PDB file of N, CA and C in Angstrom:
ATOM      1  N   MET A   1     -41.338 -30.268  15.557  1.00  0.00           N
ATOM      2  CA  MET A   1     -40.062 -30.337  16.179  1.00  0.00           C
ATOM      3  C   MET A   1     -39.532 -31.110  14.761  1.00  0.00           C
ATOM      4  N   SER A   2     -39.020 -30.977  13.934  1.00  0.00           N
ATOM      5  CA  SER A   2     -38.987 -31.528  12.855  1.00  0.00           C
ATOM      6  C   SER A   2     -36.973 -32.384  12.975  1.00  0.00           C
ATOM      7  N   ASN A   3     -36.339 -31.342  14.036  1.00  0.00           N
ATOM      8  CA  ASN A   3     -35.001 -32.151  14.563  1.00  0.00           C
ATOM      9  C   ASN A   3     -35.131 -31.864  15.374  1.00  0.00           C
ATOM     10  N   PHE A   4     -34.858 -32.747  16.832  1.00  0.00           N
ATOM     11  CA  PHE A   4     -35.150 -32.860  17.641  1.00  0.00           C
ATOM     12  C   PHE A   4     -33.454 -33.359  18.125  1.00  0.00           C
ATOM     13  N   SER A   5     -32.980 -32.312  18.474  1.00  0.00           N
ATOM     14  CA  SER A   5     -31.712 -32.504  19.044  1.00  0.00           C
ATOM     15  C   SER A   5     -31.195 -33.122  20.366  1.00  0.00           C
ATOM     16  N   ILE A   6     -30.159 -33.712  20.890  1.00  0.00           N
ATOM     17  CA  ILE A   6     -29.519 -33.773  21.723  1.00  0.00           C
ATOM     18  C   ILE A   6     -29.736 -33.043  22.729  1.00  0.00           C
ATOM     19  N   ASP A   7     -29.235 -31.850  22.486  1.00  0.00           N
ATOM     20  CA  ASP A   7     -29.075 -30.706  23.193  1.00  0.00           C
ATOM     21  C   ASP A   7     -30.783 -30.408  23.798  1.00  0.00           C
ATOM     22  N   GLU A   8     -31.468 -30.297  22.776  1.00  0.00           N
ATOM     23  CA  GLU A   8     -32.893 -29.965  23.005  1.00  0.00           C
ATOM     24  C   GLU A   8     -33.589 -30.934  24.076  1.00  0.00           C
ATOM     25  N   MET A   9     -32.751 -32.175  23.726  1.00  0.00           N
ATOM     26  CA  MET A   9     -33.423 -33.172  24.757  1.00  0.00           C
ATOM     27  C   MET A   9     -32.516 -32.680  26.300  1.00  0.00           C
ATOM     28  N   LEU A  10     -31.703 -32.703  26.677  1.00  0.00           N
ATOM     29  CA  LEU A  10     -30.684 -32.572  27.637  1.00  0.00           C
ATOM     30  C   LEU A  10     -31.259 -31.149  28.453  1.00  0.00           C
ATOM     31  N   SER A  11     -31.748 -30.418  27.606  1.00  0.00           N
ATOM     32  CA  SER A  11     -32.107 -29.048  28.329  1.00  0.00           C
ATOM     33  C   SER A  11     -33.715 -29.557  29.142  1.00  0.00           C
ATOM     34  N   MET A  12     -34.223 -29.984  28.189  1.00  0.00           N
ATOM     35  CA  MET A  12     -35.970 -30.671  28.933  1.00  0.00           C
ATOM     36  C   MET A  12     -35.507 -31.638  30.007  1.00  0.00           C
ATOM     37  N   GLN A  13     -34.700 -32.376  30.050  1.00  0.00           N
ATOM     38  CA  GLN A  13     -34.485 -33.323  31.155  1.00  0.00           C
ATOM     39  C   GLN A  13     -33.372 -32.440  32.457  1.00  0.00           C
ATOM     40  N   LYS A  14     -32.641 -31.440  32.195  1.00  0.00           N
ATOM     41  CA  LYS A  14     -32.280 -30.473  33.320  1.00  0.00           C
ATOM     42  C   LYS A  14     -33.766 -29.916  33.602  1.00  0.00           C
ATOM     43  N   GLU A  15     -34.766 -29.576  33.030  1.00  0.00           N
ATOM     44  CA  GLU A  15     -35.646 -28.593  33.539  1.00  0.00           C
ATOM     45  C   GLU A  15     -36.564 -29.832  34.674  1.00  0.00           C
ATOM     46  N   LEU A  16     -36.734 -30.968  34.020  1.00  0.00           N
ATOM     47  CA  LEU A  16     -37.251 -32.125  34.923  1.00  0.00           C
ATOM     48  C   LEU A  16     -36.816 -32.390  36.599  1.00  0.00           C
ATOM     49  N   GLN A  17     -35.324 -32.266  35.971  1.00  0.00           N
ATOM     50  CA  GLN A  17     -34.286 -32.652  37.027  1.00  0.00           C
ATOM     51  C   GLN A  17     -34.635 -30.986  38.169  1.00  0.00           C
ATOM     52  N   GLU A  18     -34.680 -30.181  37.558  1.00  0.00           N
ATOM     53  CA  GLU A  18     -34.874 -28.791  38.476  1.00  0.00           C
ATOM     54  C   GLU A  18     -36.892 -28.790  38.989  1.00  0.00           C
ATOM     55  N   ASN A  19     -37.208 -29.183  37.992  1.00  0.00           N
ATOM     56  CA  ASN A  19     -38.556 -29.715  39.022  1.00  0.00           C
ATOM     57  C   ASN A  19     -38.539 -30.484  39.962  1.00  0.00           C
ATOM     58  N   TYR A  20     -37.884 -31.259  39.787  1.00  0.00           N
ATOM     59  CA  TYR A  20     -37.900 -32.508  40.948  1.00  0.00           C
ATOM     60  C   TYR A  20     -36.786 -32.818  41.768  1.00  0.00           C
ATOM     61  N   LYS A  21     -36.309 -31.330  41.750  1.00  0.00           N
ATOM     62  CA  LYS A  21     -34.739 -31.366  42.582  1.00  0.00           C
ATOM     63  C   LYS A  21     -35.012 -32.158  44.457  1.00  0.00           C
ATOM     64  N   GLU A  22     -36.591 -31.833  44.808  1.00  0.00           N
ATOM     65  CA  GLU A  22     -36.457 -32.388  46.264  1.00  0.00           C
ATOM     66  C   GLU A  22     -36.951 -33.826  46.128  1.00  0.00           C
ATOM     67  N   ARG A  23     -37.040 -34.297  45.052  1.00  0.00           N
ATOM     68  CA  ARG A  23     -37.578 -35.763  45.380  1.00  0.00           C
ATOM     69  C   ARG A  23     -36.325 -36.414  44.239  1.00  0.00           C
ATOM     70  N   TRP A  24     -35.913 -35.735  43.398  1.00  0.00           N
ATOM     71  CA  TRP A  24     -34.641 -36.882  42.660  1.00  0.00           C
ATOM     72  C   TRP A  24     -33.357 -36.921  43.051  1.00  0.00           C
ATOM     73  N   GLU A  25     -32.426 -37.819  43.147  1.00  0.00           N
ATOM     74  CA  GLU A  25     -31.093 -37.990  42.885  1.00  0.00           C
ATOM     75  C   GLU A  25     -30.289 -36.873  42.237  1.00  0.00           C
ATOM     76  N   THR A  26     -29.752 -36.181  43.005  1.00  0.00           N
ATOM     77  CA  THR A  26     -28.856 -35.032  42.303  1.00  0.00           C
ATOM     78  C   THR A  26     -28.083 -35.844  40.782  1.00  0.00           C
ATOM     79  N   ILE A  27     -27.937 -34.991  39.999  1.00  0.00           N
ATOM     80  CA  ILE A  27     -27.253 -35.445  38.739  1.00  0.00           C
ATOM     81  C   ILE A  27     -25.448 -34.973  39.254  1.00  0.00           C
ATOM     82  N   SER A  28     -25.010 -36.485  39.097  1.00  0.00           N
ATOM     83  CA  SER A  28     -23.768 -36.570  39.838  1.00  0.00           C
ATOM     84  C   SER A  28     -23.266 -37.844  38.850  1.00  0.00           C
ATOM     85  N   PRO A  29     -22.076 -38.006  39.031  1.00  0.00           N
ATOM     86  CA  PRO A  29     -21.566 -39.525  38.481  1.00  0.00           C
ATOM     87  C   PRO A  29     -21.725 -40.200  39.209  1.00  0.00           C
ATOM     88  N   GLU A  30     -21.866 -40.529  40.400  1.00  0.00           N
ATOM     89  CA  GLU A  30     -22.367 -41.911  41.219  1.00  0.00           C
ATOM     90  C   GLU A  30     -24.198 -42.181  40.903  1.00  0.00           C
ATOM     91  N   ALA A  31     -24.570 -41.070  40.772  1.00  0.00           N
ATOM     92  CA  ALA A  31     -26.084 -41.434  40.280  1.00  0.00           C
ATOM     93  C   ALA A  31     -26.360 -41.767  39.167  1.00  0.00           C
ATOM     94  N   GLY A  32     -25.050 -41.778  37.947  1.00  0.00           N
ATOM     95  CA  GLY A  32     -25.149 -42.187  36.445  1.00  0.00           C
ATOM     96  C   GLY A  32     -25.199 -43.749  36.857  1.00  0.00           C
ATOM     97  N   LYS A  33     -24.637 -44.538  37.488  1.00  0.00           N
ATOM     98  CA  LYS A  33     -24.907 -45.940  37.740  1.00  0.00           C
ATOM     99  C   LYS A  33     -26.188 -46.616  38.082  1.00  0.00           C
ATOM    100  N   HIS A  34     -27.042 -45.103  38.890  1.00  0.00           N
ATOM    101  CA  HIS A  34     -28.230 -45.843  38.973  1.00  0.00           C
ATOM    102  C   HIS A  34     -29.013 -45.668  37.767  1.00  0.00           C
ATOM    103  N   LYS A  35     -28.701 -44.462  37.260  1.00  0.00           N
ATOM    104  CA  LYS A  35     -29.639 -44.244  35.639  1.00  0.00           C
ATOM    105  C   LYS A  35     -29.166 -45.464  34.917  1.00  0.00           C
ATOM    106  N   LEU A  36     -28.319 -45.608  34.507  1.00  0.00           N
ATOM    107  CA  LEU A  36     -28.055 -47.013  33.634  1.00  0.00           C
ATOM    108  C   LEU A  36     -28.879 -48.149  34.156  1.00  0.00           C
ATOM    109  N   LEU A  37     -28.905 -48.153  35.222  1.00  0.00           N
ATOM    110  CA  LEU A  37     -29.947 -49.547  35.983  1.00  0.00           C
ATOM    111  C   LEU A  37     -31.165 -49.159  35.576  1.00  0.00           C
ATOM    112  N   TRP A  38     -31.633 -48.140  35.898  1.00  0.00           N
ATOM    113  CA  TRP A  38     -33.335 -47.812  35.638  1.00  0.00           C
ATOM    114  C   TRP A  38     -33.335 -47.778  34.327  1.00  0.00           C
ATOM    115  N   MET A  39     -32.767 -47.252  33.446  1.00  0.00           N
ATOM    116  CA  MET A  39     -32.547 -47.236  31.686  1.00  0.00           C
ATOM    117  C   MET A  39     -32.935 -48.756  31.107  1.00  0.00           C
ATOM    118  N   VAL A  40     -31.983 -49.956  32.393  1.00  0.00           N
ATOM    119  CA  VAL A  40     -31.743 -51.347  31.629  1.00  0.00           C
ATOM    120  C   VAL A  40     -33.219 -51.901  31.825  1.00  0.00           C
ATOM    121  N   GLY A  41     -34.103 -51.303  32.948  1.00  0.00           N
ATOM    122  CA  GLY A  41     -35.247 -51.923  33.273  1.00  0.00           C
ATOM    123  C   GLY A  41     -36.244 -51.442  32.061  1.00  0.00           C
ATOM    124  N   GLU A  42     -35.875 -49.975  32.026  1.00  0.00           N
ATOM    125  CA  GLU A  42     -37.240 -49.686  31.120  1.00  0.00           C
ATOM    126  C   GLU A  42     -36.764 -50.298  29.182  1.00  0.00           C
ATOM    127  N   ILE A  43     -35.217 -50.268  28.916  1.00  0.00           N
ATOM    128  CA  ILE A  43     -35.097 -51.586  28.071  1.00  0.00           C
ATOM    129  C   ILE A  43     -36.111 -52.730  28.297  1.00  0.00           C
ATOM    130  N   GLY A  44     -35.799 -53.481  29.489  1.00  0.00           N
ATOM    131  CA  GLY A  44     -36.724 -54.473  29.438  1.00  0.00           C
ATOM    132  C   GLY A  44     -38.128 -54.581  29.228  1.00  0.00           C
ATOM    133  N   GLU A  45     -38.907 -53.789  29.359  1.00  0.00           N
ATOM    134  CA  GLU A  45     -40.142 -53.263  29.267  1.00  0.00           C
ATOM    135  C   GLU A  45     -40.460 -53.060  27.728  1.00  0.00           C
ATOM    136  N   VAL A  46     -39.642 -52.271  27.120  1.00  0.00           N
ATOM    137  CA  VAL A  46     -39.405 -52.408  25.440  1.00  0.00           C
ATOM    138  C   VAL A  46     -39.597 -53.835  25.030  1.00  0.00           C
ATOM    139  N   ILE A  47     -38.426 -55.037  25.620  1.00  0.00           N
ATOM    140  CA  ILE A  47     -38.279 -56.289  25.238  1.00  0.00           C
ATOM    141  C   ILE A  47     -39.584 -56.924  25.402  1.00  0.00           C
ATOM    142  N   ASP A  48     -40.243 -56.448  26.663  1.00  0.00           N
ATOM    143  CA  ASP A  48     -41.668 -57.550  27.087  1.00  0.00           C
ATOM    144  C   ASP A  48     -42.659 -57.106  25.936  1.00  0.00           C
ATOM    145  N   ILE A  49     -42.617 -55.878  25.465  1.00  0.00           N
ATOM    146  CA  ILE A  49     -43.581 -55.649  24.400  1.00  0.00           C
ATOM    147  C   ILE A  49     -43.752 -56.390  23.095  1.00  0.00           C
ATOM    148  N   VAL A  50     -42.487 -56.662  22.545  1.00  0.00           N
ATOM    149  CA  VAL A  50     -42.279 -57.073  21.533  1.00  0.00           C
ATOM    150  C   VAL A  50     -42.073 -58.634  21.807  1.00  0.00           C
ATOM    151  N   LYS A  51     -41.629 -58.897  22.777  1.00  0.00           N
ATOM    152  CA  LYS A  51     -41.761 -60.481  22.936  1.00  0.00           C
ATOM    153  C   LYS A  51     -43.096 -61.272  23.244  1.00  0.00           C
ATOM    154  N   LYS A  52     -43.852 -60.732  23.965  1.00  0.00           N
ATOM    155  CA  LYS A  52     -45.174 -61.022  24.298  1.00  0.00           C
ATOM    156  C   LYS A  52     -46.320 -61.057  23.040  1.00  0.00           C
ATOM    157  N   ASN A  53     -46.063 -60.185  22.089  1.00  0.00           N
ATOM    158  CA  ASN A  53     -46.996 -59.534  21.054  1.00  0.00           C
ATOM    159  C   ASN A  53     -46.421 -60.195  19.886  1.00  0.00           C
ATOM    160  N   GLY A  54     -44.764 -59.889  19.751  1.00  0.00           N
ATOM    161  CA  GLY A  54     -44.164 -60.270  18.457  1.00  0.00           C
ATOM    162  C   GLY A  54     -44.311 -59.019  17.395  1.00  0.00           C
ATOM    163  N   ASP A  55     -43.042 -59.018  17.066  1.00  0.00           N
ATOM    164  CA  ASP A  55     -42.808 -57.794  15.815  1.00  0.00           C
ATOM    165  C   ASP A  55     -43.691 -57.296  15.063  1.00  0.00           C
ATOM    166  N   ARG A  56     -43.966 -57.953  14.327  1.00  0.00           N
ATOM    167  CA  ARG A  56     -45.436 -57.419  13.399  1.00  0.00           C
ATOM    168  C   ARG A  56     -46.753 -56.756  14.239  1.00  0.00           C
ATOM    169  N   ARG A  57     -47.210 -57.386  15.179  1.00  0.00           N
ATOM    170  CA  ARG A  57     -48.543 -57.000  16.237  1.00  0.00           C
ATOM    171  C   ARG A  57     -47.659 -55.623  16.951  1.00  0.00           C
ATOM    172  N   SER A  58     -46.547 -55.702  17.322  1.00  0.00           N
ATOM    173  CA  SER A  58     -45.685 -54.523  17.836  1.00  0.00           C
ATOM    174  C   SER A  58     -45.695 -52.870  17.146  1.00  0.00           C
ATOM    175  N   ILE A  59     -45.435 -53.841  15.892  1.00  0.00           N
ATOM    176  CA  ILE A  59     -45.823 -52.310  14.965  1.00  0.00           C
ATOM    177  C   ILE A  59     -47.093 -52.135  14.229  1.00  0.00           C
ATOM    178  N   GLU A  60     -48.003 -52.944  13.775  1.00  0.00           N
ATOM    179  CA  GLU A  60     -49.153 -52.602  13.330  1.00  0.00           C
ATOM    180  C   GLU A  60     -50.182 -52.123  14.153  1.00  0.00           C
ATOM    181  N   ASP A  61     -50.529 -52.780  15.267  1.00  0.00           N
ATOM    182  CA  ASP A  61     -51.335 -52.402  16.638  1.00  0.00           C
ATOM    183  C   ASP A  61     -51.179 -51.235  17.225  1.00  0.00           C
ATOM    184  N   LEU A  62     -52.248 -49.902  16.902  1.00  0.00           N
ATOM    185  CA  LEU A  62     -51.612 -49.029  17.146  1.00  0.00           C
ATOM    186  C   LEU A  62     -51.536 -48.862  18.737  1.00  0.00           C
ATOM    187  N   THR A  63     -52.121 -49.652  19.315  1.00  0.00           N
ATOM    188  CA  THR A  63     -52.247 -49.138  20.749  1.00  0.00           C
ATOM    189  C   THR A  63     -50.802 -49.764  21.442  1.00  0.00           C
ATOM    190  N   LEU A  64     -50.480 -50.625  20.738  1.00  0.00           N
ATOM    191  CA  LEU A  64     -49.438 -51.446  20.952  1.00  0.00           C
ATOM    192  C   LEU A  64     -48.100 -50.748  20.849  1.00  0.00           C
ATOM    193  N   ARG A  65     -48.472 -50.249  19.314  1.00  0.00           N
ATOM    194  CA  ARG A  65     -47.139 -48.853  19.366  1.00  0.00           C
ATOM    195  C   ARG A  65     -47.015 -48.099  19.815  1.00  0.00           C
ATOM    196  N   GLU A  66     -48.447 -47.424  20.167  1.00  0.00           N
ATOM    197  CA  GLU A  66     -47.962 -46.176  21.022  1.00  0.00           C
ATOM    198  C   GLU A  66     -47.289 -46.644  22.475  1.00  0.00           C
ATOM    199  N   HIS A  67     -47.258 -47.845  23.214  1.00  0.00           N
ATOM    200  CA  HIS A  67     -46.848 -48.087  23.875  1.00  0.00           C
ATOM    201  C   HIS A  67     -45.489 -48.296  24.039  1.00  0.00           C
ATOM    202  N   LEU A  68     -44.995 -48.967  22.875  1.00  0.00           N
ATOM    203  CA  LEU A  68     -43.221 -49.059  22.672  1.00  0.00           C
ATOM    204  C   LEU A  68     -42.653 -48.129  22.593  1.00  0.00           C
ATOM    205  N   VAL A  69     -43.750 -46.988  21.613  1.00  0.00           N
ATOM    206  CA  VAL A  69     -42.607 -45.941  21.649  1.00  0.00           C
ATOM    207  C   VAL A  69     -42.563 -45.005  22.752  1.00  0.00           C
ATOM    208  N   GLU A  70     -43.701 -45.144  23.472  1.00  0.00           N
ATOM    209  CA  GLU A  70     -43.563 -44.521  25.078  1.00  0.00           C
ATOM    210  C   GLU A  70     -42.697 -45.227  25.948  1.00  0.00           C
ATOM    211  N   GLU A  71     -42.357 -46.535  25.963  1.00  0.00           N
ATOM    212  CA  GLU A  71     -41.615 -47.153  26.700  1.00  0.00           C
ATOM    213  C   GLU A  71     -40.122 -46.628  26.146  1.00  0.00           C
ATOM    214  N   LEU A  72     -39.749 -46.475  24.651  1.00  0.00           N
ATOM    215  CA  LEU A  72     -38.315 -46.187  24.101  1.00  0.00           C
ATOM    216  C   LEU A  72     -38.167 -44.948  24.674  1.00  0.00           C
ATOM    217  N   ALA A  73     -39.447 -43.972  24.885  1.00  0.00           N
ATOM    218  CA  ALA A  73     -38.962 -42.918  24.852  1.00  0.00           C
ATOM    219  C   ALA A  73     -38.396 -42.514  27.031  1.00  0.00           C
ATOM    220  N   ASP A  74     -38.917 -43.921  27.511  1.00  0.00           N
ATOM    221  CA  ASP A  74     -38.855 -43.871  28.783  1.00  0.00           C
ATOM    222  C   ASP A  74     -37.232 -43.951  28.752  1.00  0.00           C
ATOM    223  N   VAL A  75     -36.538 -44.910  27.720  1.00  0.00           N
ATOM    224  CA  VAL A  75     -35.485 -45.470  27.680  1.00  0.00           C
ATOM    225  C   VAL A  75     -34.141 -44.253  27.163  1.00  0.00           C
ATOM    226  N   LEU A  76     -34.925 -43.284  26.850  1.00  0.00           N
ATOM    227  CA  LEU A  76     -34.376 -42.098  25.917  1.00  0.00           C
ATOM    228  C   LEU A  76     -34.025 -41.413  26.825  1.00  0.00           C
ATOM    229  N   MET A  77     -35.017 -41.157  27.726  1.00  0.00           N
ATOM    230  CA  MET A  77     -35.016 -40.115  29.116  1.00  0.00           C
ATOM    231  C   MET A  77     -33.885 -40.502  29.791  1.00  0.00           C
ATOM    232  N   TYR A  78     -33.710 -41.894  30.359  1.00  0.00           N
ATOM    233  CA  TYR A  78     -32.779 -42.497  31.344  1.00  0.00           C
ATOM    234  C   TYR A  78     -31.024 -41.611  30.596  1.00  0.00           C
ATOM    235  N   TYR A  79     -31.429 -42.316  29.321  1.00  0.00           N
ATOM    236  CA  TYR A  79     -29.881 -41.856  28.509  1.00  0.00           C
ATOM    237  C   TYR A  79     -29.816 -40.570  28.847  1.00  0.00           C
ATOM    238  N   ASN A  80     -30.485 -39.367  28.596  1.00  0.00           N
ATOM    239  CA  ASN A  80     -30.109 -38.355  28.368  1.00  0.00           C
ATOM    240  C   ASN A  80     -29.820 -38.019  30.005  1.00  0.00           C
ATOM    241  N   GLU A  81     -30.470 -38.714  30.638  1.00  0.00           N
ATOM    242  CA  GLU A  81     -29.905 -38.264  32.254  1.00  0.00           C
ATOM    243  C   GLU A  81     -28.463 -38.942  32.546  1.00  0.00           C
ATOM    244  N   ILE A  82     -28.352 -39.720  32.278  1.00  0.00           N
ATOM    245  CA  ILE A  82     -26.813 -40.303  32.157  1.00  0.00           C
ATOM    246  C   ILE A  82     -25.751 -39.596  31.691  1.00  0.00           C
ATOM    247  N   LEU A  83     -26.335 -39.129  30.351  1.00  0.00           N
ATOM    248  CA  LEU A  83     -25.149 -37.858  29.905  1.00  0.00           C
ATOM    249  C   LEU A  83     -25.213 -36.680  30.789  1.00  0.00           C
ATOM    250  N   LEU A  84     -26.328 -36.323  31.409  1.00  0.00           N
ATOM    251  CA  LEU A  84     -26.267 -34.982  32.202  1.00  0.00           C
ATOM    252  C   LEU A  84     -25.026 -35.670  33.520  1.00  0.00           C
ATOM    253  N   CYS A  85     -25.199 -36.649  33.640  1.00  0.00           N
ATOM    254  CA  CYS A  85     -24.744 -37.313  34.965  1.00  0.00           C
ATOM    255  C   CYS A  85     -22.811 -37.403  34.413  1.00  0.00           C
ATOM    256  N   TYR A  86     -22.302 -38.220  33.604  1.00  0.00           N
ATOM    257  CA  TYR A  86     -21.341 -37.809  33.017  1.00  0.00           C
ATOM    258  C   TYR A  86     -20.811 -36.644  32.134  1.00  0.00           C
ATOM    259  N   GLY A  87     -21.732 -35.627  32.193  1.00  0.00           N
ATOM    260  CA  GLY A  87     -21.275 -34.425  31.550  1.00  0.00           C
ATOM    261  C   GLY A  87     -20.675 -34.223  30.503  1.00  0.00           C
ATOM    262  N   ILE A  88     -21.656 -35.303  29.392  1.00  0.00           N
ATOM    263  CA  ILE A  88     -21.382 -35.574  27.859  1.00  0.00           C
ATOM    264  C   ILE A  88     -22.028 -35.011  27.426  1.00  0.00           C
ATOM    265  N   SER A  89     -21.670 -33.777  26.350  1.00  0.00           N
ATOM    266  CA  SER A  89     -21.926 -33.006  25.353  1.00  0.00           C
ATOM    267  C   SER A  89     -22.423 -33.500  24.022  1.00  0.00           C
ATOM    268  N   GLU A  90     -23.617 -32.737  23.563  1.00  0.00           N
ATOM    269  CA  GLU A  90     -23.824 -33.249  22.266  1.00  0.00           C
ATOM    270  C   GLU A  90     -22.716 -33.194  21.312  1.00  0.00           C
ATOM    271  N   ASP A  91     -21.853 -32.200  21.292  1.00  0.00           N
ATOM    272  CA  ASP A  91     -20.725 -32.604  20.267  1.00  0.00           C
ATOM    273  C   ASP A  91     -19.609 -33.616  20.535  1.00  0.00           C
ATOM    274  N   GLU A  92     -19.269 -33.975  22.186  1.00  0.00           N
ATOM    275  CA  GLU A  92     -18.946 -35.102  22.273  1.00  0.00           C
ATOM    276  C   GLU A  92     -19.157 -36.267  22.049  1.00  0.00           C
ATOM    277  N   LEU A  93     -20.667 -36.407  22.103  1.00  0.00           N
ATOM    278  CA  LEU A  93     -21.444 -37.540  21.698  1.00  0.00           C
ATOM    279  C   LEU A  93     -21.322 -37.521  20.602  1.00  0.00           C
ATOM    280  N   LYS A  94     -21.488 -36.715  19.623  1.00  0.00           N
ATOM    281  CA  LYS A  94     -21.666 -36.539  17.814  1.00  0.00           C
ATOM    282  C   LYS A  94     -20.059 -37.027  17.451  1.00  0.00           C
ATOM    283  N   GLU A  95     -19.217 -36.484  17.947  1.00  0.00           N
ATOM    284  CA  GLU A  95     -17.972 -36.779  17.423  1.00  0.00           C
ATOM    285  C   GLU A  95     -17.668 -38.495  17.789  1.00  0.00           C
ATOM    286  N   ALA A  96     -18.135 -38.884  19.059  1.00  0.00           N
ATOM    287  CA  ALA A  96     -17.784 -40.653  18.990  1.00  0.00           C
ATOM    288  C   ALA A  96     -18.625 -41.217  18.406  1.00  0.00           C
ATOM    289  N   TYR A  97     -19.702 -40.674  18.079  1.00  0.00           N
ATOM    290  CA  TYR A  97     -20.654 -41.672  17.190  1.00  0.00           C
ATOM    291  C   TYR A  97     -20.053 -41.559  15.840  1.00  0.00           C
ATOM    292  N   ILE A  98     -20.017 -40.483  15.578  1.00  0.00           N
ATOM    293  CA  ILE A  98     -19.278 -40.809  14.129  1.00  0.00           C
ATOM    294  C   ILE A  98     -17.815 -41.383  13.850  1.00  0.00           C
ATOM    295  N   SER A  99     -17.137 -41.432  14.471  1.00  0.00           N
ATOM    296  CA  SER A  99     -16.069 -42.248  14.684  1.00  0.00           C
ATOM    297  C   SER A  99     -16.406 -43.967  14.717  1.00  0.00           C
ATOM    298  N   LYS A 100     -17.308 -44.021  15.599  1.00  0.00           N
ATOM    299  CA  LYS A 100     -18.034 -45.312  15.792  1.00  0.00           C
ATOM    300  C   LYS A 100     -18.447 -45.792  14.651  1.00  0.00           C
ATOM    301  N   PHE A 101     -19.405 -45.277  13.972  1.00  0.00           N
ATOM    302  CA  PHE A 101     -19.726 -44.940  12.542  1.00  0.00           C
ATOM    303  C   PHE A 101     -19.143 -45.523  11.598  1.00  0.00           C
ATOM    304  N   GLU A 102     -17.818 -44.791  11.134  1.00  0.00           N
ATOM    305  CA  GLU A 102     -16.741 -44.992  10.339  1.00  0.00           C
ATOM    306  C   GLU A 102     -16.303 -46.156  10.681  1.00  0.00           C
ATOM    307  N   THR A 103     -15.758 -46.557  11.681  1.00  0.00           N
ATOM    308  CA  THR A 103     -15.128 -47.906  12.001  1.00  0.00           C
ATOM    309  C   THR A 103     -15.822 -49.137  11.877  1.00  0.00           C
ATOM    310  N   ASN A 104     -17.158 -48.922  12.089  1.00  0.00           N
ATOM    311  CA  ASN A 104     -18.067 -49.916  11.737  1.00  0.00           C
ATOM    312  C   ASN A 104     -18.451 -50.092  10.312  1.00  0.00           C
ATOM    313  N   LEU A 105     -18.327 -48.830   9.883  1.00  0.00           N
ATOM    314  CA  LEU A 105     -18.504 -48.886   7.948  1.00  0.00           C
ATOM    315  C   LEU A 105     -17.246 -49.970   7.701  1.00  0.00           C
ATOM    316  N   LYS A 106     -16.111 -49.933   7.908  1.00  0.00           N
ATOM    317  CA  LYS A 106     -14.968 -50.929   7.463  1.00  0.00           C
ATOM    318  C   LYS A 106     -14.840 -51.935   8.102  1.00  0.00           C
ATOM    319  N   ARG A 107     -15.465 -52.456   8.851  1.00  0.00           N
ATOM    320  CA  ARG A 107     -15.507 -53.511   9.988  1.00  0.00           C
ATOM    321  C   ARG A 107     -15.886 -54.627   9.359  1.00  0.00           C
ATOM    322  N   TRP A 108     -16.692 -54.924   8.355  1.00  0.00           N
ATOM    323  CA  TRP A 108     -17.335 -56.452   7.546  1.00  0.00           C
ATOM    324  C   TRP A 108     -17.074 -55.850   6.177  1.00  0.00           C
TER     325      TRP A 108
END
């Protein structure tokens, strides 16, 4: 996977959603709020790794790095669930991202 696209991640999230439809909350805007809260919890886990182990060790210790990357993947999975909940497409996100990027280039 040299280029891992948002569309690919969304497709994978849909597959997970289908696989666990009897156990997981149905994708909907209302569920988006819950997914946001779960994502914030996962972000907290990422922060804890760096806070407890320091910047350098979190990068250099291969076991810690693996844990850090795994927690970031959890964040990304919830992020993609949120995109699904609000019906945000890869193209829509790309357009907003480019616009924000261009604004930030001129900011300072």
